[in-house]
Amino acid sequence: MNDEELRSPGWVAAAAGAPALAAGVALAAGWAGATGWLGGGWLGDAWVALFGLFVPLSGLALHTYAQAERRGSALAVLAGLSAAVGVFIALMGVDDLVLRGRGVEVTCVVREVASRVETDSSYRPEGQYLRRTTQYDHRLDCPPGGPAGLTREQEIAKAGEELRLVYDPRGRVQSERASDLHAWGLRAAILLAVGLASLWGVLGALGRPAPQRGERGRR
């Protein structure tokens, strides 16, 4: 395989576009789950996990392997890792993006805060492991359509205080404090990760080709 084949426009375009495609698939899967297109309950979560993580990450792994095999460049690995970070940020940030897109901002009054302890158990080689977390249930008085309550692992307001919340009118995404939304920061992080992945991928695709096996043996 010669340099011209390795540096073909199609291969360079694939190196540049694969990270954006993977992040886009993850974001689309998360958005579809948040809008109910993939169903509810565990089945919807399974579809999101499949198309939001497994499919894009598997595709990136194959693409990275193919590029590293053809180019013999560490840039391919850097591109794959950066793209994987972009995939995770895109999927984990869907809720914030949904609230930014269709959320309704309201001011609610905290009527009561109740704490409770939840225990999760798991089995390890050394035995059963118990993890206890304290949950704080905030009972709210919101305008019509607003949430009736909000549960967090810390007390975010005391009884009688006001909370500025953004809620999903479709009820698919958990409400958040308006000050906790980071949608623009998430977009910037996704674009940065995907942009770096594309840059490294293109540099790797345009770099010197990896020595052929026969050439390695003659050296």
N, C-alpha and C. Protein backbone atom coordinates (compact mmCIF):
# COMPACT_ATOMS: atom_id res chain seq x y z
N MET A 1 0.84 -1.20 0.00
CA MET A 1 0.00 0.00 0.00
C MET A 1 0.88 1.24 0.00
N ASN A 2 0.64 2.16 -0.93
CA ASN A 2 1.50 3.33 -1.04
C ASN A 2 0.95 4.51 -0.27
N ASP A 3 1.77 5.61 -0.27
CA ASP A 3 1.37 6.80 0.49
C ASP A 3 0.07 7.39 -0.01
N GLU A 4 -0.12 7.37 -1.36
CA GLU A 4 -1.32 7.98 -1.92
C GLU A 4 -2.57 7.27 -1.45
N GLU A 5 -2.50 5.94 -1.34
CA GLU A 5 -3.67 5.19 -0.87
C GLU A 5 -3.94 5.49 0.59
N LEU A 6 -2.88 5.58 1.38
CA LEU A 6 -3.05 5.83 2.81
C LEU A 6 -3.57 7.24 3.08
N ARG A 7 -3.21 8.17 2.20
CA ARG A 7 -3.61 9.56 2.39
C ARG A 7 -4.81 9.92 1.52
N SER A 8 -5.58 8.95 1.12
CA SER A 8 -6.74 9.21 0.27
C SER A 8 -7.72 10.10 1.00
N PRO A 9 -8.48 10.96 0.26
CA PRO A 9 -9.45 11.84 0.90
C PRO A 9 -10.46 11.08 1.76
N GLY A 10 -10.86 9.90 1.30
CA GLY A 10 -11.83 9.13 2.07
C GLY A 10 -11.29 8.71 3.43
N TRP A 11 -10.02 8.30 3.48
CA TRP A 11 -9.44 7.88 4.76
C TRP A 11 -9.24 9.06 5.70
N VAL A 12 -8.81 10.19 5.16
CA VAL A 12 -8.64 11.39 5.99
C VAL A 12 -10.00 11.86 6.51
N ALA A 13 -11.03 11.81 5.66
CA ALA A 13 -12.37 12.21 6.09
C ALA A 13 -12.88 11.28 7.19
N ALA A 14 -12.59 9.98 7.06
CA ALA A 14 -13.02 9.03 8.10
C ALA A 14 -12.32 9.32 9.42
N ALA A 15 -11.03 9.63 9.35
CA ALA A 15 -10.28 9.94 10.57
C ALA A 15 -10.83 11.20 11.25
N ALA A 16 -11.27 12.17 10.45
CA ALA A 16 -11.81 13.41 11.01
C ALA A 16 -13.25 13.25 11.48
N GLY A 17 -14.03 12.45 10.77
CA GLY A 17 -15.45 12.37 11.07
C GLY A 17 -15.87 11.33 12.08
N ALA A 18 -15.05 10.30 12.30
CA ALA A 18 -15.43 9.22 13.22
C ALA A 18 -15.71 9.73 14.64
N PRO A 19 -14.86 10.60 15.23
CA PRO A 19 -15.16 11.07 16.59
C PRO A 19 -16.49 11.82 16.67
N ALA A 20 -16.77 12.69 15.68
CA ALA A 20 -18.03 13.43 15.71
C ALA A 20 -19.21 12.49 15.52
N LEU A 21 -19.06 11.49 14.67
CA LEU A 21 -20.14 10.53 14.46
C LEU A 21 -20.43 9.74 15.73
N ALA A 22 -19.39 9.30 16.42
CA ALA A 22 -19.58 8.53 17.65
C ALA A 22 -20.27 9.37 18.73
N ALA A 23 -19.80 10.61 18.91
CA ALA A 23 -20.43 11.48 19.91
C ALA A 23 -21.86 11.81 19.52
N GLY A 24 -22.10 11.98 18.21
CA GLY A 24 -23.46 12.26 17.76
C GLY A 24 -24.40 11.11 18.01
N VAL A 25 -23.92 9.88 17.79
CA VAL A 25 -24.76 8.70 18.05
C VAL A 25 -25.09 8.61 19.54
N ALA A 26 -24.09 8.84 20.39
CA ALA A 26 -24.33 8.80 21.84
C ALA A 26 -25.33 9.86 22.27
N LEU A 27 -25.17 11.07 21.75
CA LEU A 27 -26.08 12.16 22.10
C LEU A 27 -27.49 11.87 21.60
N ALA A 28 -27.60 11.34 20.39
CA ALA A 28 -28.92 11.02 19.84
C ALA A 28 -29.60 9.92 20.65
N ALA A 29 -28.84 8.92 21.07
CA ALA A 29 -29.42 7.83 21.88
C ALA A 29 -29.90 8.36 23.23
N GLY A 30 -29.09 9.19 23.87
CA GLY A 30 -29.50 9.77 25.15
C GLY A 30 -30.71 10.66 25.00
N TRP A 31 -30.76 11.45 23.93
CA TRP A 31 -31.90 12.33 23.69
C TRP A 31 -33.16 11.51 23.42
N ALA A 32 -33.02 10.43 22.65
CA ALA A 32 -34.17 9.57 22.37
C ALA A 32 -34.69 8.93 23.65
N GLY A 33 -33.78 8.57 24.56
CA GLY A 33 -34.22 8.03 25.84
C GLY A 33 -34.92 9.06 26.68
N ALA A 34 -34.43 10.30 26.65
CA ALA A 34 -35.05 11.37 27.44
C ALA A 34 -36.40 11.79 26.90
N THR A 35 -36.64 11.58 25.63
CA THR A 35 -37.93 11.94 25.04
C THR A 35 -38.91 10.79 25.00
N GLY A 36 -38.47 9.60 25.42
CA GLY A 36 -39.38 8.45 25.48
C GLY A 36 -39.46 7.64 24.21
N TRP A 37 -38.67 7.95 23.19
CA TRP A 37 -38.73 7.21 21.93
C TRP A 37 -38.26 5.77 22.10
N LEU A 38 -37.41 5.52 23.08
CA LEU A 38 -36.87 4.17 23.28
C LEU A 38 -37.63 3.39 24.34
N GLY A 39 -38.76 3.92 24.79
CA GLY A 39 -39.54 3.23 25.82
C GLY A 39 -39.09 3.65 27.20
N GLY A 40 -39.80 3.13 28.20
CA GLY A 40 -39.49 3.48 29.58
C GLY A 40 -38.95 2.31 30.36
N GLY A 41 -38.59 2.56 31.61
CA GLY A 41 -38.11 1.50 32.48
C GLY A 41 -36.76 0.95 32.05
N TRP A 42 -36.51 -0.31 32.45
CA TRP A 42 -35.21 -0.92 32.19
C TRP A 42 -34.95 -1.13 30.70
N LEU A 43 -36.04 -1.34 29.92
CA LEU A 43 -35.85 -1.54 28.49
C LEU A 43 -35.31 -0.28 27.82
N GLY A 44 -35.87 0.87 28.19
CA GLY A 44 -35.37 2.13 27.64
C GLY A 44 -33.92 2.37 28.04
N ASP A 45 -33.59 2.06 29.32
CA ASP A 45 -32.20 2.22 29.77
C ASP A 45 -31.26 1.30 29.01
N ALA A 46 -31.74 0.09 28.70
CA ALA A 46 -30.91 -0.86 27.96
C ALA A 46 -30.62 -0.36 26.55
N TRP A 47 -31.64 0.21 25.90
CA TRP A 47 -31.44 0.76 24.55
C TRP A 47 -30.46 1.92 24.58
N VAL A 48 -30.58 2.78 25.60
CA VAL A 48 -29.66 3.91 25.71
C VAL A 48 -28.23 3.41 25.92
N ALA A 49 -28.07 2.40 26.79
CA ALA A 49 -26.74 1.84 27.02
C ALA A 49 -26.16 1.23 25.75
N LEU A 50 -27.02 0.55 24.99
CA LEU A 50 -26.56 -0.11 23.77
C LEU A 50 -26.12 0.91 22.72
N PHE A 51 -27.03 1.84 22.40
CA PHE A 51 -26.74 2.79 21.32
C PHE A 51 -25.97 4.02 21.81
N GLY A 52 -26.03 4.28 23.10
CA GLY A 52 -25.33 5.45 23.62
C GLY A 52 -23.90 5.17 24.03
N LEU A 53 -23.59 3.92 24.38
CA LEU A 53 -22.24 3.58 24.81
C LEU A 53 -21.62 2.47 23.98
N PHE A 54 -22.28 1.29 23.96
CA PHE A 54 -21.65 0.13 23.34
C PHE A 54 -21.39 0.34 21.85
N VAL A 55 -22.39 0.79 21.12
CA VAL A 55 -22.22 0.94 19.66
C VAL A 55 -21.17 2.00 19.31
N PRO A 56 -21.26 3.23 19.84
CA PRO A 56 -20.23 4.21 19.47
C PRO A 56 -18.84 3.86 19.96
N LEU A 57 -18.72 3.29 21.17
CA LEU A 57 -17.40 2.94 21.69
C LEU A 57 -16.80 1.77 20.92
N SER A 58 -17.63 0.80 20.52
CA SER A 58 -17.13 -0.31 19.72
C SER A 58 -16.67 0.18 18.35
N GLY A 59 -17.46 1.06 17.75
CA GLY A 59 -17.06 1.63 16.47
C GLY A 59 -15.76 2.41 16.57
N LEU A 60 -15.61 3.18 17.65
CA LEU A 60 -14.36 3.92 17.84
C LEU A 60 -13.18 2.99 18.02
N ALA A 61 -13.38 1.90 18.78
CA ALA A 61 -12.29 0.95 19.00
C ALA A 61 -11.83 0.34 17.68
N LEU A 62 -12.78 -0.07 16.84
CA LEU A 62 -12.43 -0.64 15.54
C LEU A 62 -11.74 0.39 14.65
N HIS A 63 -12.26 1.60 14.66
CA HIS A 63 -11.66 2.66 13.84
C HIS A 63 -10.25 2.97 14.32
N THR A 64 -10.05 3.07 15.63
CA THR A 64 -8.73 3.36 16.18
C THR A 64 -7.74 2.25 15.84
N TYR A 65 -8.20 1.01 15.96
CA TYR A 65 -7.32 -0.13 15.64
C TYR A 65 -6.93 -0.10 14.16
N ALA A 66 -7.91 0.16 13.30
CA ALA A 66 -7.62 0.19 11.86
C ALA A 66 -6.64 1.31 11.52
N GLN A 67 -6.84 2.48 12.14
CA GLN A 67 -5.96 3.60 11.84
C GLN A 67 -4.56 3.34 12.37
N ALA A 68 -4.46 2.81 13.59
CA ALA A 68 -3.14 2.52 14.15
C ALA A 68 -2.43 1.44 13.34
N GLU A 69 -3.17 0.46 12.86
CA GLU A 69 -2.59 -0.62 12.06
C GLU A 69 -2.08 -0.10 10.73
N ARG A 70 -2.83 0.82 10.14
CA ARG A 70 -2.45 1.35 8.83
C ARG A 70 -1.38 2.43 8.94
N ARG A 71 -1.45 3.19 10.03
CA ARG A 71 -0.52 4.31 10.15
C ARG A 71 0.63 4.03 11.10
N GLY A 72 0.43 3.11 12.05
CA GLY A 72 1.47 2.86 13.03
C GLY A 72 1.75 4.07 13.90
N SER A 73 0.73 4.87 14.20
CA SER A 73 0.92 6.14 14.89
C SER A 73 0.21 6.15 16.23
N ALA A 74 0.90 6.70 17.25
CA ALA A 74 0.27 6.86 18.56
C ALA A 74 -0.84 7.88 18.53
N LEU A 75 -0.85 8.74 17.49
CA LEU A 75 -1.91 9.72 17.37
C LEU A 75 -3.27 9.06 17.23
N ALA A 76 -3.32 7.88 16.64
CA ALA A 76 -4.58 7.16 16.51
C ALA A 76 -5.15 6.82 17.88
N VAL A 77 -4.29 6.40 18.80
CA VAL A 77 -4.73 6.06 20.16
C VAL A 77 -5.21 7.32 20.88
N LEU A 78 -4.47 8.42 20.75
CA LEU A 78 -4.89 9.67 21.37
C LEU A 78 -6.24 10.12 20.83
N ALA A 79 -6.42 9.97 19.51
CA ALA A 79 -7.70 10.35 18.91
C ALA A 79 -8.83 9.49 19.46
N GLY A 80 -8.58 8.19 19.58
CA GLY A 80 -9.62 7.29 20.10
C GLY A 80 -9.99 7.61 21.54
N LEU A 81 -9.00 7.89 22.37
CA LEU A 81 -9.27 8.21 23.78
C LEU A 81 -10.05 9.52 23.90
N SER A 82 -9.64 10.53 23.14
CA SER A 82 -10.34 11.81 23.19
C SER A 82 -11.78 11.66 22.70
N ALA A 83 -11.97 10.88 21.65
CA ALA A 83 -13.32 10.66 21.14
C ALA A 83 -14.17 9.92 22.16
N ALA A 84 -13.58 8.95 22.88
CA ALA A 84 -14.33 8.23 23.91
C ALA A 84 -14.77 9.18 25.03
N VAL A 85 -13.89 10.12 25.40
CA VAL A 85 -14.27 11.13 26.40
C VAL A 85 -15.44 11.96 25.89
N GLY A 86 -15.39 12.34 24.62
CA GLY A 86 -16.50 13.09 24.04
C GLY A 86 -17.80 12.31 24.07
N VAL A 87 -17.73 11.00 23.82
CA VAL A 87 -18.93 10.14 23.87
C VAL A 87 -19.52 10.13 25.27
N PHE A 88 -18.68 9.94 26.28
CA PHE A 88 -19.17 9.89 27.66
C PHE A 88 -19.79 11.23 28.07
N ILE A 89 -19.12 12.34 27.74
CA ILE A 89 -19.65 13.65 28.10
C ILE A 89 -20.99 13.89 27.41
N ALA A 90 -21.07 13.51 26.13
CA ALA A 90 -22.30 13.72 25.38
C ALA A 90 -23.46 12.95 26.01
N LEU A 91 -23.21 11.69 26.38
CA LEU A 91 -24.30 10.87 26.94
C LEU A 91 -24.67 11.33 28.35
N MET A 92 -23.66 11.60 29.18
CA MET A 92 -23.94 11.97 30.56
C MET A 92 -24.54 13.38 30.67
N GLY A 93 -24.33 14.21 29.65
CA GLY A 93 -24.84 15.57 29.71
C GLY A 93 -26.18 15.78 29.05
N VAL A 94 -26.82 14.69 28.63
CA VAL A 94 -28.10 14.81 27.92
C VAL A 94 -29.16 15.48 28.78
N ASP A 95 -29.24 15.11 30.06
CA ASP A 95 -30.28 15.68 30.92
C ASP A 95 -30.18 17.20 30.99
N ASP A 96 -28.96 17.71 31.15
CA ASP A 96 -28.79 19.16 31.19
C ASP A 96 -29.19 19.80 29.87
N LEU A 97 -28.82 19.15 28.77
CA LEU A 97 -29.15 19.70 27.46
C LEU A 97 -30.67 19.71 27.24
N VAL A 98 -31.34 18.65 27.71
CA VAL A 98 -32.79 18.59 27.58
C VAL A 98 -33.45 19.71 28.37
N LEU A 99 -32.98 19.91 29.61
CA LEU A 99 -33.56 20.97 30.44
C LEU A 99 -33.30 22.35 29.85
N ARG A 100 -32.15 22.53 29.24
CA ARG A 100 -31.86 23.80 28.58
C ARG A 100 -32.78 24.00 27.38
N GLY A 101 -33.10 22.88 26.71
CA GLY A 101 -33.89 22.99 25.50
C GLY A 101 -35.38 23.18 25.73
N ARG A 102 -35.97 22.41 26.66
CA ARG A 102 -37.41 22.48 26.84
C ARG A 102 -37.83 22.66 28.30
N GLY A 103 -36.86 22.86 29.18
CA GLY A 103 -37.18 23.00 30.59
C GLY A 103 -37.93 24.29 30.91
N VAL A 104 -38.68 24.26 32.00
CA VAL A 104 -39.43 25.42 32.47
C VAL A 104 -38.85 25.84 33.81
N GLU A 105 -38.52 27.10 33.94
CA GLU A 105 -37.92 27.60 35.17
C GLU A 105 -39.00 28.17 36.08
N VAL A 106 -38.99 27.74 37.34
CA VAL A 106 -39.98 28.18 38.32
C VAL A 106 -39.30 28.44 39.66
N THR A 107 -39.96 29.19 40.48
CA THR A 107 -39.50 29.41 41.85
C THR A 107 -40.42 28.65 42.79
N CYS A 108 -39.83 27.77 43.59
CA CYS A 108 -40.61 26.93 44.51
C CYS A 108 -40.20 27.23 45.95
N VAL A 109 -41.11 26.91 46.85
CA VAL A 109 -40.85 27.07 48.28
C VAL A 109 -40.69 25.68 48.89
N VAL A 110 -39.63 25.50 49.66
CA VAL A 110 -39.39 24.22 50.33
C VAL A 110 -40.28 24.15 51.57
N ARG A 111 -41.17 23.17 51.58
CA ARG A 111 -42.08 23.02 52.71
C ARG A 111 -41.50 22.13 53.81
N GLU A 112 -40.75 21.13 53.41
CA GLU A 112 -40.23 20.17 54.40
C GLU A 112 -39.02 19.45 53.80
N VAL A 113 -38.07 19.11 54.67
CA VAL A 113 -36.90 18.32 54.26
C VAL A 113 -36.80 17.13 55.19
N ALA A 114 -36.85 15.94 54.61
CA ALA A 114 -36.75 14.70 55.39
C ALA A 114 -35.57 13.90 54.90
N SER A 115 -34.81 13.34 55.82
CA SER A 115 -33.65 12.54 55.46
C SER A 115 -33.94 11.07 55.70
N ARG A 116 -33.32 10.22 54.91
CA ARG A 116 -33.44 8.77 55.05
C ARG A 116 -32.14 8.14 54.59
N VAL A 117 -31.87 6.95 55.09
CA VAL A 117 -30.62 6.25 54.77
C VAL A 117 -30.95 5.07 53.85
N GLU A 118 -30.24 5.02 52.73
CA GLU A 118 -30.38 3.90 51.80
C GLU A 118 -29.14 3.03 51.87
N THR A 119 -29.35 1.72 51.80
CA THR A 119 -28.24 0.77 51.87
C THR A 119 -28.18 -0.05 50.59
N ASP A 120 -27.02 -0.02 49.96
CA ASP A 120 -26.77 -0.84 48.77
C ASP A 120 -25.74 -1.90 49.12
N SER A 121 -26.03 -3.13 48.72
CA SER A 121 -25.11 -4.22 49.02
C SER A 121 -24.54 -4.81 47.74
N SER A 122 -23.30 -5.21 47.81
CA SER A 122 -22.64 -5.88 46.69
C SER A 122 -21.67 -6.90 47.26
N TYR A 123 -21.35 -7.89 46.47
CA TYR A 123 -20.47 -8.97 46.92
C TYR A 123 -19.10 -8.83 46.28
N ARG A 124 -18.09 -8.92 47.13
CA ARG A 124 -16.70 -8.87 46.68
C ARG A 124 -15.99 -10.12 47.16
N PRO A 125 -14.79 -10.38 46.65
CA PRO A 125 -14.07 -11.59 47.09
C PRO A 125 -13.89 -11.68 48.59
N GLU A 126 -13.75 -10.52 49.25
CA GLU A 126 -13.57 -10.55 50.71
C GLU A 126 -14.88 -10.61 51.48
N GLY A 127 -15.99 -10.59 50.78
CA GLY A 127 -17.29 -10.71 51.45
C GLY A 127 -18.27 -9.65 50.99
N GLN A 128 -19.38 -9.55 51.69
CA GLN A 128 -20.42 -8.60 51.32
C GLN A 128 -20.00 -7.18 51.70
N TYR A 129 -20.27 -6.25 50.77
CA TYR A 129 -19.93 -4.85 50.99
C TYR A 129 -21.22 -4.04 51.05
N LEU A 130 -21.36 -3.25 52.11
CA LEU A 130 -22.54 -2.41 52.29
C LEU A 130 -22.16 -0.95 52.14
N ARG A 131 -22.95 -0.24 51.37
CA ARG A 131 -22.72 1.19 51.19
C ARG A 131 -23.98 1.93 51.58
N ARG A 132 -23.83 2.82 52.55
CA ARG A 132 -24.98 3.58 53.05
C ARG A 132 -24.85 5.04 52.61
N THR A 133 -25.94 5.54 52.07
CA THR A 133 -25.98 6.94 51.66
C THR A 133 -27.22 7.60 52.25
N THR A 134 -27.08 8.87 52.60
CA THR A 134 -28.21 9.63 53.14
C THR A 134 -28.86 10.42 52.01
N GLN A 135 -30.15 10.23 51.86
CA GLN A 135 -30.93 10.95 50.85
C GLN A 135 -31.80 12.00 51.54
N TYR A 136 -31.88 13.17 50.93
CA TYR A 136 -32.69 14.25 51.48
C TYR A 136 -33.86 14.53 50.52
N ASP A 137 -35.05 14.27 51.01
CA ASP A 137 -36.26 14.50 50.23
C ASP A 137 -36.81 15.89 50.55
N HIS A 138 -36.82 16.74 49.54
CA HIS A 138 -37.32 18.10 49.69
C HIS A 138 -38.76 18.16 49.16
N ARG A 139 -39.71 18.41 50.04
CA ARG A 139 -41.10 18.56 49.59
C ARG A 139 -41.31 20.02 49.19
N LEU A 140 -41.83 20.21 47.97
CA LEU A 140 -41.86 21.55 47.38
C LEU A 140 -43.28 22.03 47.15
N ASP A 141 -43.42 23.34 47.18
CA ASP A 141 -44.65 24.01 46.77
C ASP A 141 -44.30 24.85 45.56
N CYS A 142 -44.64 24.34 44.37
CA CYS A 142 -44.27 24.98 43.11
C CYS A 142 -45.52 25.45 42.37
N PRO A 143 -45.36 26.34 41.41
CA PRO A 143 -46.49 26.72 40.55
C PRO A 143 -47.04 25.49 39.82
N PRO A 144 -48.27 25.56 39.31
CA PRO A 144 -48.87 24.42 38.61
C PRO A 144 -47.95 23.87 37.53
N GLY A 145 -47.79 22.55 37.54
CA GLY A 145 -46.93 21.88 36.58
C GLY A 145 -45.54 21.62 37.11
N GLY A 146 -45.16 22.32 38.17
CA GLY A 146 -43.82 22.15 38.73
C GLY A 146 -43.70 20.87 39.54
N PRO A 147 -42.47 20.49 39.91
CA PRO A 147 -42.26 19.24 40.66
C PRO A 147 -42.79 19.34 42.08
N ALA A 148 -43.23 18.19 42.60
CA ALA A 148 -43.71 18.15 43.98
C ALA A 148 -42.59 17.90 44.97
N GLY A 149 -41.48 17.40 44.48
CA GLY A 149 -40.37 17.11 45.37
C GLY A 149 -39.07 16.98 44.62
N LEU A 150 -37.99 16.97 45.38
CA LEU A 150 -36.65 16.86 44.81
C LEU A 150 -35.79 16.10 45.82
N THR A 151 -35.10 15.06 45.34
CA THR A 151 -34.27 14.24 46.22
C THR A 151 -32.81 14.40 45.83
N ARG A 152 -31.98 14.68 46.83
CA ARG A 152 -30.54 14.82 46.60
C ARG A 152 -29.78 14.17 47.75
N GLU A 153 -28.48 13.97 47.55
CA GLU A 153 -27.64 13.38 48.58
C GLU A 153 -27.15 14.42 49.59
N GLN A 154 -27.62 15.64 49.45
CA GLN A 154 -27.32 16.67 50.42
C GLN A 154 -28.52 17.62 50.52
N GLU A 155 -28.62 18.30 51.63
CA GLU A 155 -29.71 19.25 51.82
C GLU A 155 -29.37 20.53 51.06
N ILE A 156 -30.14 20.83 50.02
CA ILE A 156 -29.82 21.99 49.18
C ILE A 156 -30.60 23.23 49.60
N ALA A 157 -31.57 23.07 50.48
CA ALA A 157 -32.31 24.22 51.00
C ALA A 157 -33.06 23.78 52.24
N LYS A 158 -33.34 24.71 53.11
CA LYS A 158 -34.07 24.40 54.33
C LYS A 158 -35.53 24.78 54.18
N ALA A 159 -36.34 24.24 55.08
CA ALA A 159 -37.77 24.52 55.04
C ALA A 159 -38.02 26.03 55.12
N GLY A 160 -38.88 26.51 54.22
CA GLY A 160 -39.20 27.92 54.18
C GLY A 160 -38.39 28.71 53.16
N GLU A 161 -37.30 28.12 52.66
CA GLU A 161 -36.48 28.82 51.67
C GLU A 161 -37.02 28.59 50.26
N GLU A 162 -36.60 29.45 49.36
CA GLU A 162 -37.02 29.32 47.97
C GLU A 162 -35.93 28.62 47.14
N LEU A 163 -36.40 27.90 46.13
CA LEU A 163 -35.50 27.24 45.19
C LEU A 163 -35.89 27.61 43.77
N ARG A 164 -34.90 28.02 42.99
CA ARG A 164 -35.14 28.30 41.58
C ARG A 164 -34.81 27.03 40.81
N LEU A 165 -35.85 26.39 40.27
CA LEU A 165 -35.68 25.08 39.63
C LEU A 165 -36.03 25.15 38.15
N VAL A 166 -35.47 24.22 37.40
CA VAL A 166 -35.85 24.00 36.01
C VAL A 166 -36.35 22.56 35.91
N TYR A 167 -37.58 22.39 35.45
CA TYR A 167 -38.16 21.05 35.38
C TYR A 167 -38.56 20.72 33.94
N ASP A 168 -38.66 19.43 33.68
CA ASP A 168 -39.06 18.93 32.36
C ASP A 168 -40.57 18.77 32.34
N PRO A 169 -41.30 19.52 31.52
CA PRO A 169 -42.77 19.40 31.50
C PRO A 169 -43.24 18.00 31.09
N ARG A 170 -42.39 17.23 30.43
CA ARG A 170 -42.76 15.86 30.05
C ARG A 170 -42.44 14.85 31.15
N GLY A 171 -41.71 15.28 32.16
CA GLY A 171 -41.41 14.40 33.28
C GLY A 171 -40.39 13.31 32.98
N ARG A 172 -39.61 13.46 31.91
CA ARG A 172 -38.64 12.43 31.53
C ARG A 172 -37.28 12.65 32.19
N VAL A 173 -37.00 13.90 32.57
CA VAL A 173 -35.70 14.26 33.13
C VAL A 173 -35.89 14.86 34.50
N GLN A 174 -35.01 14.52 35.42
CA GLN A 174 -35.12 15.01 36.78
C GLN A 174 -34.87 16.51 36.84
N SER A 175 -35.64 17.17 37.70
CA SER A 175 -35.50 18.61 37.86
C SER A 175 -34.13 18.96 38.44
N GLU A 176 -33.66 20.16 38.13
CA GLU A 176 -32.37 20.62 38.63
C GLU A 176 -32.49 22.08 39.05
N ARG A 177 -31.60 22.48 39.95
CA ARG A 177 -31.52 23.90 40.27
C ARG A 177 -31.02 24.65 39.04
N ALA A 178 -31.57 25.82 38.83
CA ALA A 178 -31.18 26.59 37.65
C ALA A 178 -29.68 26.88 37.65
N SER A 179 -29.12 27.06 38.82
CA SER A 179 -27.68 27.37 38.91
C SER A 179 -26.80 26.17 38.64
N ASP A 180 -27.38 24.96 38.63
CA ASP A 180 -26.59 23.74 38.44
C ASP A 180 -26.53 23.27 36.99
N LEU A 181 -27.24 23.95 36.11
CA LEU A 181 -27.23 23.55 34.72
C LEU A 181 -25.94 24.02 34.05
N HIS A 182 -25.31 23.09 33.34
CA HIS A 182 -24.03 23.41 32.71
C HIS A 182 -24.07 23.09 31.22
N ALA A 183 -25.19 23.33 30.59
CA ALA A 183 -25.35 22.91 29.20
C ALA A 183 -24.31 23.53 28.28
N TRP A 184 -24.05 24.83 28.45
CA TRP A 184 -23.07 25.47 27.56
C TRP A 184 -21.68 24.95 27.82
N GLY A 185 -21.36 24.71 29.08
CA GLY A 185 -20.06 24.12 29.39
C GLY A 185 -19.93 22.71 28.84
N LEU A 186 -21.04 21.95 28.88
CA LEU A 186 -21.02 20.61 28.33
C LEU A 186 -20.81 20.64 26.83
N ARG A 187 -21.49 21.56 26.16
CA ARG A 187 -21.30 21.67 24.71
C ARG A 187 -19.83 21.98 24.39
N ALA A 188 -19.25 22.90 25.16
CA ALA A 188 -17.86 23.25 24.91
C ALA A 188 -16.94 22.06 25.15
N ALA A 189 -17.21 21.28 26.22
CA ALA A 189 -16.38 20.12 26.52
C ALA A 189 -16.50 19.06 25.43
N ILE A 190 -17.71 18.83 24.94
CA ILE A 190 -17.92 17.86 23.86
C ILE A 190 -17.17 18.30 22.61
N LEU A 191 -17.33 19.58 22.24
CA LEU A 191 -16.67 20.09 21.04
C LEU A 191 -15.15 20.03 21.18
N LEU A 192 -14.64 20.31 22.37
CA LEU A 192 -13.19 20.27 22.59
C LEU A 192 -12.67 18.85 22.43
N ALA A 193 -13.34 17.89 23.09
CA ALA A 193 -12.89 16.49 23.01
C ALA A 193 -12.97 15.97 21.58
N VAL A 194 -14.09 16.22 20.92
CA VAL A 194 -14.26 15.74 19.55
C VAL A 194 -13.30 16.46 18.60
N GLY A 195 -13.11 17.76 18.81
CA GLY A 195 -12.19 18.51 17.96
C GLY A 195 -10.76 18.01 18.07
N LEU A 196 -10.31 17.75 19.30
CA LEU A 196 -8.96 17.21 19.48
C LEU A 196 -8.84 15.83 18.85
N ALA A 197 -9.88 15.00 19.02
CA ALA A 197 -9.84 13.66 18.44
C ALA A 197 -9.75 13.74 16.92
N SER A 198 -10.52 14.63 16.32
CA SER A 198 -10.48 14.78 14.86
C SER A 198 -9.13 15.29 14.40
N LEU A 199 -8.57 16.26 15.13
CA LEU A 199 -7.27 16.82 14.76
C LEU A 199 -6.19 15.75 14.81
N TRP A 200 -6.14 15.00 15.92
CA TRP A 200 -5.13 13.94 16.02
C TRP A 200 -5.36 12.84 14.98
N GLY A 201 -6.61 12.56 14.70
CA GLY A 201 -6.90 11.55 13.70
C GLY A 201 -6.42 11.97 12.32
N VAL A 202 -6.66 13.23 11.96
CA VAL A 202 -6.23 13.73 10.65
C VAL A 202 -4.70 13.76 10.57
N LEU A 203 -4.05 14.24 11.64
CA LEU A 203 -2.59 14.26 11.64
C LEU A 203 -2.02 12.85 11.49
N GLY A 204 -2.68 11.89 12.15
CA GLY A 204 -2.23 10.51 12.01
C GLY A 204 -2.44 9.99 10.60
N ALA A 205 -3.57 10.36 9.99
CA ALA A 205 -3.87 9.89 8.64
C ALA A 205 -2.94 10.51 7.61
N LEU A 206 -2.45 11.71 7.88
CA LEU A 206 -1.56 12.39 6.95
C LEU A 206 -0.09 12.13 7.23
N GLY A 207 0.19 11.45 8.33
CA GLY A 207 1.58 11.21 8.71
C GLY A 207 2.24 10.16 7.86
N ARG A 208 3.45 9.80 8.26
CA ARG A 208 4.19 8.79 7.52
C ARG A 208 3.55 7.43 7.73
N PRO A 209 3.46 6.60 6.71
CA PRO A 209 2.87 5.28 6.85
C PRO A 209 3.74 4.37 7.71
N ALA A 210 3.09 3.40 8.34
CA ALA A 210 3.83 2.45 9.17
C ALA A 210 4.68 1.56 8.28
N PRO A 211 5.87 1.16 8.73
CA PRO A 211 6.69 0.25 7.94
C PRO A 211 5.97 -1.08 7.71
N GLN A 212 6.10 -1.63 6.51
CA GLN A 212 5.51 -2.92 6.23
C GLN A 212 6.27 -4.01 6.98
N ARG A 213 5.60 -5.12 7.21
CA ARG A 213 6.23 -6.19 7.98
C ARG A 213 7.51 -6.68 7.31
N GLY A 214 7.47 -6.75 6.01
CA GLY A 214 8.66 -7.18 5.30
C GLY A 214 9.80 -6.21 5.49
N GLU A 215 9.46 -4.90 5.52
CA GLU A 215 10.48 -3.89 5.72
C GLU A 215 11.07 -3.95 7.11
N ARG A 216 10.20 -4.25 8.11
CA ARG A 216 10.70 -4.35 9.48
C ARG A 216 11.71 -5.50 9.60
N GLY A 217 11.39 -6.59 8.91
CA GLY A 217 12.25 -7.77 9.00
C GLY A 217 13.59 -7.53 8.34
N ARG A 218 13.65 -6.65 7.31
CA ARG A 218 14.92 -6.43 6.61
C ARG A 218 15.82 -5.43 7.32
N ARG A 219 15.21 -4.70 8.31
CA ARG A 219 16.02 -3.70 9.01
C ARG A 219 16.87 -4.34 10.10
